[in-house]
Amino acid sequence: MRCVRVWFNKTGAIRYISHLDLMRTMTRAIRRSGIPLWYTEGFNPHPYMTFALPLSLGMESVCESMDIRIEGDVTNDDLFISLRDAMPDGITVTAVKDPVTDPKYIALAAFDVTFHDVPDPAALADTIETLLSGEHLIVQKIGKKGHKKVVKDVDLLEHLKAYRVRREGDVLHLDLVLPAGSVTNVNPALLCDEIMKHSAGYYVILRTKLLTADGKTFE
């Protein structure tokens, strides 16, 4: 038995399925692939499957990973072909590799936010620069305290590690690096919702990379 890390993209309409539904989708796809999956022992055996950092509902990603355990001597190249051909639309397997980094060391995430149908991209770009170059940007975040939901103020600029505003034609891009992981996790939608108070249109968030605290790419 050995552990492998399956890298995949999650784009398009499938970004609207929950993490629980994603787990079910991947379980069915793995079974269709016919790979020799390792199952836990005990009264209710189930396949070993863990995701590095579950993606928030509605976000796309080109850096998702899933760890599974397999039996036999099948190679990573063979696993890649089998899994690639078994995936539904919207999930694309990009690689199967041996794990390098423990997910507990994930501390940051990089995002590419695209703003669409914006009446004046140049004006919105100026607004974003003004918002992100200020001293504070306070928003309300809904969290949990025990079993109760609580609302607390969060200063997004305190957590913003890096950003860049750029344009491609009529589409405005905002590259972000924010805390992510078990210690601190900031959803970029909090910032995007605040930005969209100043313009019509809509945004799409794409997670592009997971990073450790020292800036190294999660592998």
N, C-alpha and C. Protein backbone atom coordinates (compact mmCIF):
# COMPACT_ATOMS: atom_id res chain seq x y z
N MET A 1 0.84 -1.19 0.00
CA MET A 1 0.00 0.00 0.00
C MET A 1 0.88 1.24 0.00
N ARG A 2 0.54 2.22 -0.85
CA ARG A 2 1.27 3.48 -0.84
C ARG A 2 0.31 4.64 -1.09
N CYS A 3 0.74 5.83 -0.72
CA CYS A 3 -0.08 7.03 -0.87
C CYS A 3 0.36 7.79 -2.12
N VAL A 4 -0.60 8.27 -2.89
CA VAL A 4 -0.31 9.11 -4.04
C VAL A 4 -1.16 10.37 -3.95
N ARG A 5 -0.66 11.41 -4.59
CA ARG A 5 -1.37 12.70 -4.59
C ARG A 5 -1.87 12.97 -6.00
N VAL A 6 -3.18 13.09 -6.12
CA VAL A 6 -3.83 13.34 -7.40
C VAL A 6 -4.09 14.84 -7.52
N TRP A 7 -3.52 15.47 -8.55
CA TRP A 7 -3.71 16.89 -8.78
C TRP A 7 -4.78 17.08 -9.85
N PHE A 8 -5.69 18.04 -9.60
CA PHE A 8 -6.78 18.24 -10.57
C PHE A 8 -7.27 19.69 -10.56
N ASN A 9 -7.90 20.06 -11.68
CA ASN A 9 -8.57 21.35 -11.81
C ASN A 9 -10.05 21.17 -11.55
N LYS A 10 -10.66 22.19 -10.99
CA LYS A 10 -12.10 22.19 -10.77
C LYS A 10 -12.63 23.51 -11.32
N THR A 11 -13.25 23.46 -12.50
CA THR A 11 -13.66 24.68 -13.18
C THR A 11 -15.06 24.52 -13.79
N GLY A 12 -15.64 25.66 -14.14
CA GLY A 12 -16.96 25.63 -14.76
C GLY A 12 -18.07 25.44 -13.74
N ALA A 13 -19.17 24.87 -14.21
CA ALA A 13 -20.36 24.74 -13.37
C ALA A 13 -20.14 23.86 -12.14
N ILE A 14 -19.17 22.95 -12.21
CA ILE A 14 -18.96 22.03 -11.09
C ILE A 14 -18.41 22.76 -9.86
N ARG A 15 -18.01 24.02 -10.02
CA ARG A 15 -17.56 24.78 -8.85
C ARG A 15 -18.68 25.01 -7.85
N TYR A 16 -19.91 24.78 -8.27
CA TYR A 16 -21.05 25.00 -7.38
C TYR A 16 -21.44 23.77 -6.55
N ILE A 17 -20.71 22.67 -6.69
CA ILE A 17 -21.02 21.52 -5.84
C ILE A 17 -20.23 21.65 -4.54
N SER A 18 -20.81 21.14 -3.47
CA SER A 18 -20.19 21.25 -2.15
C SER A 18 -19.01 20.30 -2.03
N HIS A 19 -18.24 20.47 -0.97
CA HIS A 19 -17.10 19.57 -0.77
C HIS A 19 -17.57 18.14 -0.54
N LEU A 20 -18.68 17.97 0.15
CA LEU A 20 -19.22 16.62 0.37
C LEU A 20 -19.60 15.98 -0.96
N ASP A 21 -20.23 16.76 -1.84
CA ASP A 21 -20.58 16.23 -3.16
C ASP A 21 -19.34 15.94 -3.99
N LEU A 22 -18.30 16.75 -3.81
CA LEU A 22 -17.05 16.49 -4.52
C LEU A 22 -16.45 15.16 -4.09
N MET A 23 -16.48 14.89 -2.80
CA MET A 23 -15.96 13.61 -2.29
C MET A 23 -16.74 12.44 -2.90
N ARG A 24 -18.05 12.58 -2.99
CA ARG A 24 -18.86 11.52 -3.60
C ARG A 24 -18.53 11.36 -5.08
N THR A 25 -18.35 12.49 -5.76
CA THR A 25 -18.02 12.46 -7.18
C THR A 25 -16.69 11.78 -7.41
N MET A 26 -15.70 12.11 -6.60
CA MET A 26 -14.38 11.52 -6.76
C MET A 26 -14.39 10.03 -6.42
N THR A 27 -15.16 9.65 -5.42
CA THR A 27 -15.27 8.24 -5.05
C THR A 27 -15.82 7.42 -6.21
N ARG A 28 -16.88 7.96 -6.86
CA ARG A 28 -17.47 7.25 -8.00
C ARG A 28 -16.49 7.19 -9.17
N ALA A 29 -15.77 8.29 -9.39
CA ALA A 29 -14.82 8.32 -10.50
C ALA A 29 -13.69 7.32 -10.28
N ILE A 30 -13.21 7.23 -9.04
CA ILE A 30 -12.13 6.28 -8.73
C ILE A 30 -12.61 4.85 -8.94
N ARG A 31 -13.83 4.57 -8.56
CA ARG A 31 -14.36 3.23 -8.76
C ARG A 31 -14.49 2.92 -10.25
N ARG A 32 -14.92 3.91 -11.04
CA ARG A 32 -15.02 3.70 -12.49
C ARG A 32 -13.65 3.46 -13.11
N SER A 33 -12.64 4.08 -12.56
CA SER A 33 -11.30 3.95 -13.13
C SER A 33 -10.73 2.55 -12.96
N GLY A 34 -11.20 1.83 -11.95
CA GLY A 34 -10.73 0.47 -11.73
C GLY A 34 -9.37 0.36 -11.08
N ILE A 35 -8.86 1.45 -10.52
CA ILE A 35 -7.54 1.38 -9.89
C ILE A 35 -7.64 0.60 -8.58
N PRO A 36 -6.56 -0.04 -8.14
CA PRO A 36 -6.59 -0.87 -6.92
C PRO A 36 -6.54 -0.01 -5.65
N LEU A 37 -7.66 0.53 -5.28
CA LEU A 37 -7.75 1.44 -4.14
C LEU A 37 -7.65 0.67 -2.82
N TRP A 38 -6.97 1.27 -1.85
CA TRP A 38 -6.87 0.67 -0.51
C TRP A 38 -8.04 1.13 0.33
N TYR A 39 -8.66 0.20 1.05
CA TYR A 39 -9.80 0.51 1.91
C TYR A 39 -9.41 0.34 3.37
N THR A 40 -10.03 1.16 4.21
CA THR A 40 -9.80 1.04 5.64
C THR A 40 -10.36 -0.29 6.13
N GLU A 41 -9.85 -0.74 7.26
CA GLU A 41 -10.33 -1.97 7.85
C GLU A 41 -11.40 -1.66 8.89
N GLY A 42 -12.11 -2.68 9.32
CA GLY A 42 -13.12 -2.48 10.35
C GLY A 42 -14.50 -2.82 9.86
N PHE A 43 -15.52 -2.40 10.64
CA PHE A 43 -16.91 -2.77 10.37
C PHE A 43 -17.43 -2.11 9.09
N ASN A 44 -16.98 -0.87 8.82
CA ASN A 44 -17.48 -0.13 7.65
C ASN A 44 -16.30 0.35 6.79
N PRO A 45 -15.72 -0.53 5.98
CA PRO A 45 -14.55 -0.14 5.17
C PRO A 45 -14.90 0.97 4.19
N HIS A 46 -13.99 1.92 4.03
CA HIS A 46 -14.19 2.98 3.06
C HIS A 46 -12.82 3.38 2.50
N PRO A 47 -12.80 3.95 1.30
CA PRO A 47 -11.52 4.31 0.69
C PRO A 47 -10.87 5.47 1.43
N TYR A 48 -9.55 5.41 1.56
CA TYR A 48 -8.80 6.52 2.16
C TYR A 48 -8.73 7.65 1.13
N MET A 49 -9.19 8.84 1.52
CA MET A 49 -9.24 9.97 0.61
C MET A 49 -9.20 11.25 1.42
N THR A 50 -8.19 12.08 1.22
CA THR A 50 -8.11 13.35 1.93
C THR A 50 -7.77 14.46 0.94
N PHE A 51 -8.33 15.64 1.18
CA PHE A 51 -8.10 16.80 0.33
C PHE A 51 -7.27 17.81 1.13
N ALA A 52 -6.30 18.42 0.46
CA ALA A 52 -5.35 19.30 1.15
C ALA A 52 -6.05 20.48 1.81
N LEU A 53 -6.89 21.18 1.09
CA LEU A 53 -7.59 22.35 1.63
C LEU A 53 -8.88 22.51 0.85
N PRO A 54 -10.00 22.06 1.41
CA PRO A 54 -11.28 22.10 0.68
C PRO A 54 -11.56 23.49 0.11
N LEU A 55 -12.03 23.51 -1.11
CA LEU A 55 -12.31 24.75 -1.83
C LEU A 55 -13.69 25.27 -1.44
N SER A 56 -13.78 26.58 -1.26
CA SER A 56 -15.06 27.19 -0.92
C SER A 56 -16.04 27.05 -2.09
N LEU A 57 -17.31 26.93 -1.77
CA LEU A 57 -18.35 26.78 -2.78
C LEU A 57 -18.33 27.97 -3.74
N GLY A 58 -18.38 27.69 -5.03
CA GLY A 58 -18.43 28.74 -6.03
C GLY A 58 -17.09 29.15 -6.59
N MET A 59 -16.00 28.67 -6.02
CA MET A 59 -14.66 29.00 -6.51
C MET A 59 -14.17 27.95 -7.50
N GLU A 60 -13.35 28.40 -8.43
CA GLU A 60 -12.64 27.50 -9.33
C GLU A 60 -11.22 27.32 -8.83
N SER A 61 -10.54 26.31 -9.36
CA SER A 61 -9.17 26.06 -8.92
C SER A 61 -8.40 25.28 -9.97
N VAL A 62 -7.10 25.58 -10.06
CA VAL A 62 -6.20 24.80 -10.91
C VAL A 62 -5.08 24.17 -10.06
N CYS A 63 -5.35 24.04 -8.76
CA CYS A 63 -4.30 23.49 -7.88
C CYS A 63 -4.89 22.59 -6.79
N GLU A 64 -5.96 21.87 -7.12
CA GLU A 64 -6.57 20.98 -6.13
C GLU A 64 -5.80 19.66 -6.05
N SER A 65 -5.77 19.10 -4.85
CA SER A 65 -5.10 17.81 -4.68
C SER A 65 -5.89 16.91 -3.76
N MET A 66 -5.77 15.62 -4.02
CA MET A 66 -6.46 14.59 -3.25
C MET A 66 -5.47 13.46 -3.01
N ASP A 67 -5.29 13.08 -1.76
CA ASP A 67 -4.42 11.96 -1.42
C ASP A 67 -5.25 10.69 -1.31
N ILE A 68 -4.81 9.64 -1.99
CA ILE A 68 -5.45 8.34 -1.88
C ILE A 68 -4.38 7.29 -1.64
N ARG A 69 -4.80 6.13 -1.17
CA ARG A 69 -3.89 5.02 -0.97
C ARG A 69 -4.26 3.89 -1.91
N ILE A 70 -3.25 3.32 -2.54
CA ILE A 70 -3.50 2.27 -3.52
C ILE A 70 -2.69 1.02 -3.16
N GLU A 71 -3.12 -0.07 -3.75
CA GLU A 71 -2.42 -1.34 -3.56
C GLU A 71 -1.84 -1.79 -4.90
N GLY A 72 -0.91 -2.72 -4.84
CA GLY A 72 -0.32 -3.24 -6.07
C GLY A 72 0.84 -2.41 -6.57
N ASP A 73 1.29 -2.73 -7.78
CA ASP A 73 2.48 -2.11 -8.36
C ASP A 73 2.15 -1.13 -9.48
N VAL A 74 0.94 -0.63 -9.54
CA VAL A 74 0.55 0.28 -10.60
C VAL A 74 1.37 1.57 -10.51
N THR A 75 1.80 2.09 -11.65
CA THR A 75 2.63 3.29 -11.68
C THR A 75 1.78 4.55 -11.63
N ASN A 76 2.44 5.66 -11.31
CA ASN A 76 1.73 6.94 -11.29
C ASN A 76 1.22 7.32 -12.68
N ASP A 77 1.97 6.98 -13.71
CA ASP A 77 1.54 7.28 -15.08
C ASP A 77 0.26 6.51 -15.43
N ASP A 78 0.20 5.25 -15.02
CA ASP A 78 -1.00 4.45 -15.28
C ASP A 78 -2.19 4.98 -14.48
N LEU A 79 -1.93 5.39 -13.24
CA LEU A 79 -2.99 5.97 -12.42
C LEU A 79 -3.54 7.23 -13.07
N PHE A 80 -2.63 8.06 -13.59
CA PHE A 80 -3.04 9.31 -14.23
C PHE A 80 -3.99 9.04 -15.40
N ILE A 81 -3.63 8.10 -16.25
CA ILE A 81 -4.46 7.80 -17.42
C ILE A 81 -5.82 7.27 -16.99
N SER A 82 -5.83 6.36 -16.03
CA SER A 82 -7.09 5.76 -15.58
C SER A 82 -8.01 6.79 -14.95
N LEU A 83 -7.45 7.65 -14.09
CA LEU A 83 -8.27 8.66 -13.40
C LEU A 83 -8.71 9.77 -14.36
N ARG A 84 -7.82 10.17 -15.25
CA ARG A 84 -8.16 11.23 -16.21
C ARG A 84 -9.38 10.86 -17.04
N ASP A 85 -9.44 9.61 -17.47
CA ASP A 85 -10.53 9.17 -18.33
C ASP A 85 -11.83 8.92 -17.58
N ALA A 86 -11.78 8.90 -16.24
CA ALA A 86 -12.98 8.58 -15.45
C ALA A 86 -13.66 9.81 -14.88
N MET A 87 -13.06 10.99 -15.04
CA MET A 87 -13.59 12.19 -14.40
C MET A 87 -14.75 12.81 -15.17
N PRO A 88 -15.69 13.43 -14.46
CA PRO A 88 -16.80 14.12 -15.13
C PRO A 88 -16.35 15.48 -15.67
N ASP A 89 -17.22 16.12 -16.45
CA ASP A 89 -16.92 17.45 -16.97
C ASP A 89 -16.69 18.42 -15.82
N GLY A 90 -15.65 19.24 -15.96
CA GLY A 90 -15.35 20.24 -14.93
C GLY A 90 -14.23 19.84 -14.01
N ILE A 91 -13.91 18.55 -13.96
CA ILE A 91 -12.78 18.07 -13.16
C ILE A 91 -11.76 17.44 -14.12
N THR A 92 -10.58 18.01 -14.14
CA THR A 92 -9.53 17.54 -15.03
C THR A 92 -8.31 17.13 -14.22
N VAL A 93 -7.95 15.87 -14.26
CA VAL A 93 -6.74 15.40 -13.58
C VAL A 93 -5.53 15.88 -14.37
N THR A 94 -4.61 16.55 -13.67
CA THR A 94 -3.43 17.11 -14.33
C THR A 94 -2.15 16.35 -14.02
N ALA A 95 -2.12 15.61 -12.92
CA ALA A 95 -0.92 14.85 -12.57
C ALA A 95 -1.23 13.90 -11.42
N VAL A 96 -0.44 12.85 -11.33
CA VAL A 96 -0.45 11.95 -10.17
C VAL A 96 1.00 11.80 -9.73
N LYS A 97 1.29 12.21 -8.49
CA LYS A 97 2.67 12.22 -8.01
C LYS A 97 2.73 11.68 -6.59
N ASP A 98 3.94 11.40 -6.15
CA ASP A 98 4.15 11.05 -4.76
C ASP A 98 4.07 12.33 -3.92
N PRO A 99 3.42 12.29 -2.76
CA PRO A 99 3.30 13.49 -1.93
C PRO A 99 4.68 13.99 -1.47
N VAL A 100 4.82 15.31 -1.42
CA VAL A 100 6.06 15.93 -0.96
C VAL A 100 5.84 16.68 0.35
N THR A 101 4.84 17.55 0.36
CA THR A 101 4.59 18.42 1.51
C THR A 101 3.37 17.95 2.29
N ASP A 102 3.46 17.97 3.61
CA ASP A 102 2.32 17.66 4.45
C ASP A 102 1.33 18.83 4.38
N PRO A 103 0.02 18.55 4.15
CA PRO A 103 -0.96 19.64 4.05
C PRO A 103 -1.01 20.56 5.27
N LYS A 104 -0.56 20.08 6.43
CA LYS A 104 -0.62 20.92 7.62
C LYS A 104 0.29 22.14 7.50
N TYR A 105 1.21 22.13 6.54
CA TYR A 105 2.13 23.26 6.36
C TYR A 105 1.59 24.31 5.39
N ILE A 106 0.40 24.10 4.83
CA ILE A 106 -0.20 25.11 3.97
C ILE A 106 -0.55 26.33 4.82
N ALA A 107 -0.10 27.50 4.38
CA ALA A 107 -0.34 28.73 5.14
C ALA A 107 -0.93 29.85 4.28
N LEU A 108 -0.78 29.75 2.96
CA LEU A 108 -1.21 30.83 2.07
C LEU A 108 -1.85 30.25 0.82
N ALA A 109 -2.67 31.06 0.17
CA ALA A 109 -3.25 30.68 -1.11
C ALA A 109 -3.21 31.88 -2.05
N ALA A 110 -2.92 31.61 -3.32
CA ALA A 110 -2.91 32.65 -4.34
C ALA A 110 -4.17 32.52 -5.19
N PHE A 111 -4.75 33.65 -5.56
CA PHE A 111 -6.00 33.68 -6.32
C PHE A 111 -5.89 34.64 -7.49
N ASP A 112 -6.62 34.31 -8.56
CA ASP A 112 -6.81 35.22 -9.69
C ASP A 112 -8.30 35.51 -9.77
N VAL A 113 -8.68 36.72 -9.40
CA VAL A 113 -10.08 37.13 -9.45
C VAL A 113 -10.31 37.88 -10.75
N THR A 114 -11.31 37.48 -11.52
CA THR A 114 -11.66 38.19 -12.75
C THR A 114 -13.01 38.87 -12.56
N PHE A 115 -13.07 40.14 -12.95
CA PHE A 115 -14.30 40.93 -12.87
C PHE A 115 -14.86 41.08 -14.27
N HIS A 116 -16.11 40.66 -14.45
CA HIS A 116 -16.74 40.63 -15.76
C HIS A 116 -17.92 41.61 -15.82
N ASP A 117 -18.23 42.05 -17.04
CA ASP A 117 -19.37 42.96 -17.30
C ASP A 117 -19.29 44.22 -16.46
N VAL A 118 -18.08 44.69 -16.23
CA VAL A 118 -17.88 45.92 -15.46
C VAL A 118 -18.03 47.11 -16.41
N PRO A 119 -18.89 48.08 -16.10
CA PRO A 119 -19.12 49.22 -17.02
C PRO A 119 -17.85 50.02 -17.30
N ASP A 120 -17.01 50.21 -16.30
CA ASP A 120 -15.80 51.01 -16.46
C ASP A 120 -14.64 50.33 -15.74
N PRO A 121 -13.93 49.40 -16.43
CA PRO A 121 -12.83 48.67 -15.79
C PRO A 121 -11.74 49.58 -15.23
N ALA A 122 -11.43 50.67 -15.93
CA ALA A 122 -10.38 51.57 -15.45
C ALA A 122 -10.78 52.21 -14.12
N ALA A 123 -12.04 52.61 -14.02
CA ALA A 123 -12.51 53.23 -12.78
C ALA A 123 -12.50 52.21 -11.64
N LEU A 124 -12.88 50.98 -11.93
CA LEU A 124 -12.88 49.97 -10.89
C LEU A 124 -11.45 49.64 -10.48
N ALA A 125 -10.53 49.62 -11.42
CA ALA A 125 -9.12 49.39 -11.08
C ALA A 125 -8.62 50.45 -10.12
N ASP A 126 -9.00 51.70 -10.37
CA ASP A 126 -8.60 52.79 -9.48
C ASP A 126 -9.24 52.63 -8.10
N THR A 127 -10.48 52.18 -8.08
CA THR A 127 -11.17 51.96 -6.80
C THR A 127 -10.49 50.86 -5.99
N ILE A 128 -10.10 49.78 -6.68
CA ILE A 128 -9.42 48.68 -5.99
C ILE A 128 -8.09 49.16 -5.40
N GLU A 129 -7.34 49.92 -6.18
CA GLU A 129 -6.06 50.45 -5.69
C GLU A 129 -6.27 51.33 -4.47
N THR A 130 -7.31 52.13 -4.50
CA THR A 130 -7.61 53.01 -3.36
C THR A 130 -7.97 52.20 -2.12
N LEU A 131 -8.82 51.19 -2.31
CA LEU A 131 -9.24 50.36 -1.18
C LEU A 131 -8.07 49.60 -0.57
N LEU A 132 -7.21 49.05 -1.42
CA LEU A 132 -6.15 48.17 -0.93
C LEU A 132 -4.90 48.91 -0.49
N SER A 133 -4.81 50.18 -0.80
CA SER A 133 -3.66 50.97 -0.36
C SER A 133 -3.96 51.81 0.88
N GLY A 134 -5.17 51.64 1.41
CA GLY A 134 -5.55 52.38 2.62
C GLY A 134 -4.95 51.76 3.87
N GLU A 135 -5.36 52.28 5.01
CA GLU A 135 -4.85 51.78 6.29
C GLU A 135 -5.68 50.60 6.79
N HIS A 136 -6.99 50.64 6.55
CA HIS A 136 -7.88 49.58 7.03
C HIS A 136 -8.97 49.33 6.00
N LEU A 137 -9.47 48.09 5.99
CA LEU A 137 -10.65 47.73 5.21
C LEU A 137 -11.43 46.72 6.05
N ILE A 138 -12.36 47.23 6.82
CA ILE A 138 -13.09 46.41 7.78
C ILE A 138 -14.34 45.82 7.14
N VAL A 139 -14.50 44.51 7.23
CA VAL A 139 -15.69 43.82 6.77
C VAL A 139 -16.19 42.89 7.87
N GLN A 140 -17.41 42.47 7.74
CA GLN A 140 -17.98 41.54 8.72
C GLN A 140 -17.89 40.11 8.21
N LYS A 141 -17.43 39.24 9.07
CA LYS A 141 -17.26 37.83 8.73
C LYS A 141 -18.11 36.99 9.67
N ILE A 142 -18.85 36.05 9.10
CA ILE A 142 -19.68 35.15 9.89
C ILE A 142 -18.87 33.92 10.26
N GLY A 143 -18.80 33.63 11.54
CA GLY A 143 -18.06 32.46 12.01
C GLY A 143 -18.89 31.68 13.02
N LYS A 144 -18.22 30.78 13.71
CA LYS A 144 -18.90 29.96 14.71
C LYS A 144 -18.19 30.03 16.04
N LYS A 145 -18.96 30.03 17.08
CA LYS A 145 -18.44 29.93 18.43
C LYS A 145 -19.23 28.83 19.11
N GLY A 146 -18.61 27.65 19.16
CA GLY A 146 -19.37 26.48 19.61
C GLY A 146 -20.36 26.11 18.52
N HIS A 147 -21.65 26.05 18.87
CA HIS A 147 -22.69 25.74 17.90
C HIS A 147 -23.41 26.99 17.42
N LYS A 148 -22.97 28.15 17.84
CA LYS A 148 -23.63 29.39 17.50
C LYS A 148 -22.86 30.15 16.42
N LYS A 149 -23.63 30.81 15.54
CA LYS A 149 -23.01 31.67 14.55
C LYS A 149 -22.73 33.03 15.17
N VAL A 150 -21.57 33.57 14.88
CA VAL A 150 -21.20 34.88 15.39
C VAL A 150 -20.70 35.74 14.24
N VAL A 151 -20.87 37.04 14.37
CA VAL A 151 -20.39 37.99 13.36
C VAL A 151 -19.28 38.81 13.99
N LYS A 152 -18.16 38.89 13.32
CA LYS A 152 -17.05 39.67 13.84
C LYS A 152 -16.44 40.54 12.75
N ASP A 153 -15.84 41.64 13.15
CA ASP A 153 -15.18 42.54 12.22
C ASP A 153 -13.79 42.02 11.88
N VAL A 154 -13.44 42.06 10.60
CA VAL A 154 -12.12 41.61 10.13
C VAL A 154 -11.50 42.72 9.29
N ASP A 155 -10.27 43.06 9.59
CA ASP A 155 -9.53 44.03 8.77
C ASP A 155 -8.80 43.25 7.67
N LEU A 156 -9.34 43.31 6.45
CA LEU A 156 -8.77 42.52 5.36
C LEU A 156 -7.34 42.93 5.02
N LEU A 157 -7.04 44.21 5.16
CA LEU A 157 -5.69 44.68 4.82
C LEU A 157 -4.65 44.14 5.79
N GLU A 158 -5.09 43.78 6.97
CA GLU A 158 -4.17 43.18 7.95
C GLU A 158 -3.71 41.81 7.50
N HIS A 159 -4.55 41.14 6.70
CA HIS A 159 -4.25 39.77 6.26
C HIS A 159 -3.74 39.70 4.83
N LEU A 160 -3.91 40.76 4.06
CA LEU A 160 -3.52 40.75 2.66
C LEU A 160 -2.00 40.69 2.53
N LYS A 161 -1.48 39.63 1.92
CA LYS A 161 -0.03 39.44 1.80
C LYS A 161 0.54 40.08 0.54
N ALA A 162 -0.23 40.06 -0.54
CA ALA A 162 0.22 40.65 -1.80
C ALA A 162 -0.98 40.81 -2.71
N TYR A 163 -0.88 41.79 -3.62
CA TYR A 163 -1.94 41.95 -4.62
C TYR A 163 -1.38 42.64 -5.86
N ARG A 164 -2.09 42.46 -6.97
CA ARG A 164 -1.74 43.14 -8.22
C ARG A 164 -3.00 43.29 -9.05
N VAL A 165 -3.23 44.47 -9.57
CA VAL A 165 -4.37 44.75 -10.44
C VAL A 165 -3.87 44.81 -11.87
N ARG A 166 -4.53 44.10 -12.78
CA ARG A 166 -4.12 44.11 -14.18
C ARG A 166 -5.35 43.95 -15.08
N ARG A 167 -5.21 44.40 -16.33
CA ARG A 167 -6.33 44.33 -17.27
C ARG A 167 -5.95 43.50 -18.49
N GLU A 168 -6.93 42.74 -18.99
CA GLU A 168 -6.82 42.03 -20.26
C GLU A 168 -8.06 42.39 -21.07
N GLY A 169 -7.95 43.42 -21.90
CA GLY A 169 -9.12 43.90 -22.62
C GLY A 169 -10.12 44.52 -21.66
N ASP A 170 -11.35 44.02 -21.74
CA ASP A 170 -12.40 44.53 -20.86
C ASP A 170 -12.50 43.77 -19.54
N VAL A 171 -11.64 42.76 -19.37
CA VAL A 171 -11.67 41.95 -18.13
C VAL A 171 -10.60 42.45 -17.18
N LEU A 172 -11.03 42.73 -15.97
CA LEU A 172 -10.12 43.21 -14.94
C LEU A 172 -9.72 42.04 -14.04
N HIS A 173 -8.42 41.91 -13.76
CA HIS A 173 -7.90 40.85 -12.92
C HIS A 173 -7.35 41.42 -11.62
N LEU A 174 -7.55 40.69 -10.55
CA LEU A 174 -6.95 41.03 -9.26
C LEU A 174 -6.26 39.78 -8.73
N ASP A 175 -4.94 39.81 -8.69
CA ASP A 175 -4.17 38.71 -8.11
C ASP A 175 -4.00 38.95 -6.62
N LEU A 176 -4.29 37.93 -5.82
CA LEU A 176 -4.26 38.06 -4.37
C LEU A 176 -3.48 36.92 -3.74
N VAL A 177 -2.85 37.19 -2.61
CA VAL A 177 -2.30 36.16 -1.74
C VAL A 177 -2.84 36.41 -0.35
N LEU A 178 -3.53 35.42 0.19
CA LEU A 178 -4.20 35.55 1.48
C LEU A 178 -3.88 34.34 2.37
N PRO A 179 -4.03 34.49 3.69
CA PRO A 179 -3.82 33.35 4.58
C PRO A 179 -4.81 32.22 4.28
N ALA A 180 -4.32 31.00 4.34
CA ALA A 180 -5.16 29.82 4.12
C ALA A 180 -4.59 28.67 4.92
N GLY A 181 -5.46 27.83 5.44
CA GLY A 181 -4.98 26.70 6.22
C GLY A 181 -5.70 26.58 7.53
N SER A 182 -5.15 25.79 8.43
CA SER A 182 -5.82 25.49 9.69
C SER A 182 -5.68 26.61 10.73
N VAL A 183 -4.67 27.46 10.60
CA VAL A 183 -4.45 28.52 11.59
C VAL A 183 -5.31 29.74 11.27
N THR A 184 -5.14 30.31 10.09
CA THR A 184 -5.93 31.46 9.64
C THR A 184 -6.35 31.23 8.21
N ASN A 185 -7.62 31.52 7.93
CA ASN A 185 -8.14 31.33 6.59
C ASN A 185 -9.03 32.52 6.23
N VAL A 186 -8.67 33.24 5.18
CA VAL A 186 -9.45 34.40 4.75
C VAL A 186 -10.02 34.13 3.37
N ASN A 187 -11.33 34.16 3.26
CA ASN A 187 -12.00 33.91 1.99
C ASN A 187 -11.91 35.16 1.12
N PRO A 188 -11.36 35.06 -0.10
CA PRO A 188 -11.25 36.24 -0.97
C PRO A 188 -12.59 36.85 -1.35
N ALA A 189 -13.67 36.08 -1.21
CA ALA A 189 -14.99 36.61 -1.52
C ALA A 189 -15.35 37.78 -0.61
N LEU A 190 -14.82 37.79 0.61
CA LEU A 190 -15.06 38.92 1.51
C LEU A 190 -14.56 40.22 0.89
N LEU A 191 -13.38 40.17 0.29
CA LEU A 191 -12.81 41.34 -0.36
C LEU A 191 -13.55 41.66 -1.65
N CYS A 192 -13.86 40.64 -2.43
CA CYS A 192 -14.53 40.86 -3.71
C CYS A 192 -15.92 41.46 -3.53
N ASP A 193 -16.65 41.00 -2.51
CA ASP A 193 -17.97 41.56 -2.24
C ASP A 193 -17.87 43.04 -1.88
N GLU A 194 -16.83 43.38 -1.14
CA GLU A 194 -16.63 44.79 -0.76
C GLU A 194 -16.30 45.62 -2.01
N ILE A 195 -15.50 45.06 -2.91
CA ILE A 195 -15.16 45.77 -4.15
C ILE A 195 -16.39 45.99 -5.02
N MET A 196 -17.26 44.98 -5.10
CA MET A 196 -18.41 45.07 -5.99
C MET A 196 -19.49 46.01 -5.48
N LYS A 197 -19.31 46.55 -4.29
CA LYS A 197 -20.22 47.60 -3.82
C LYS A 197 -20.02 48.89 -4.63
N HIS A 198 -18.92 48.95 -5.38
CA HIS A 198 -18.57 50.16 -6.12
C HIS A 198 -18.77 50.00 -7.63
N SER A 199 -19.33 48.88 -8.07
CA SER A 199 -19.49 48.68 -9.51
C SER A 199 -20.53 47.59 -9.79
N ALA A 200 -21.10 47.66 -10.99
CA ALA A 200 -21.95 46.57 -11.47
C ALA A 200 -21.04 45.48 -12.01
N GLY A 201 -21.64 44.34 -12.37
CA GLY A 201 -20.88 43.22 -12.91
C GLY A 201 -20.80 42.08 -11.92
N TYR A 202 -19.92 41.14 -12.20
CA TYR A 202 -19.74 39.99 -11.31
C TYR A 202 -18.29 39.54 -11.35
N TYR A 203 -17.92 38.69 -10.41
CA TYR A 203 -16.54 38.21 -10.35
C TYR A 203 -16.49 36.69 -10.28
N VAL A 204 -15.35 36.14 -10.70
CA VAL A 204 -15.09 34.70 -10.59
C VAL A 204 -13.73 34.55 -9.91
N ILE A 205 -13.69 33.71 -8.88
CA ILE A 205 -12.45 33.49 -8.13
C ILE A 205 -11.82 32.17 -8.55
N LEU A 206 -10.55 32.24 -8.94
CA LEU A 206 -9.79 31.05 -9.32
C LEU A 206 -8.60 30.90 -8.37
N ARG A 207 -8.55 29.78 -7.65
CA ARG A 207 -7.38 29.52 -6.81
C ARG A 207 -6.28 28.94 -7.68
N THR A 208 -5.11 29.59 -7.65
CA THR A 208 -4.04 29.22 -8.58
C THR A 208 -2.88 28.48 -7.92
N LYS A 209 -2.72 28.64 -6.59
CA LYS A 209 -1.57 28.01 -5.95
C LYS A 209 -1.78 27.97 -4.44
N LEU A 210 -1.27 26.91 -3.81
CA LEU A 210 -1.20 26.81 -2.36
C LEU A 210 0.26 26.91 -1.94
N LEU A 211 0.52 27.64 -0.86
CA LEU A 211 1.89 27.94 -0.45
C LEU A 211 2.11 27.63 1.02
N THR A 212 3.35 27.35 1.37
CA THR A 212 3.73 27.20 2.77
C THR A 212 4.08 28.58 3.33
N ALA A 213 4.34 28.65 4.62
CA ALA A 213 4.59 29.94 5.27
C ALA A 213 5.82 30.64 4.70
N ASP A 214 6.79 29.88 4.21
CA ASP A 214 8.01 30.49 3.64
C ASP A 214 7.88 30.77 2.14
N GLY A 215 6.66 30.66 1.62
CA GLY A 215 6.42 31.02 0.22
C GLY A 215 6.66 29.92 -0.79
N LYS A 216 6.97 28.72 -0.34
CA LYS A 216 7.21 27.61 -1.26
C LYS A 216 5.88 27.00 -1.71
N THR A 217 5.84 26.53 -2.95
CA THR A 217 4.63 25.92 -3.49
C THR A 217 4.35 24.59 -2.81
N PHE A 218 3.11 24.39 -2.40
CA PHE A 218 2.69 23.11 -1.83
C PHE A 218 2.78 22.03 -2.89
N GLU A 219 3.52 20.96 -2.57
CA GLU A 219 3.67 19.85 -3.50
C GLU A 219 3.32 18.53 -2.85
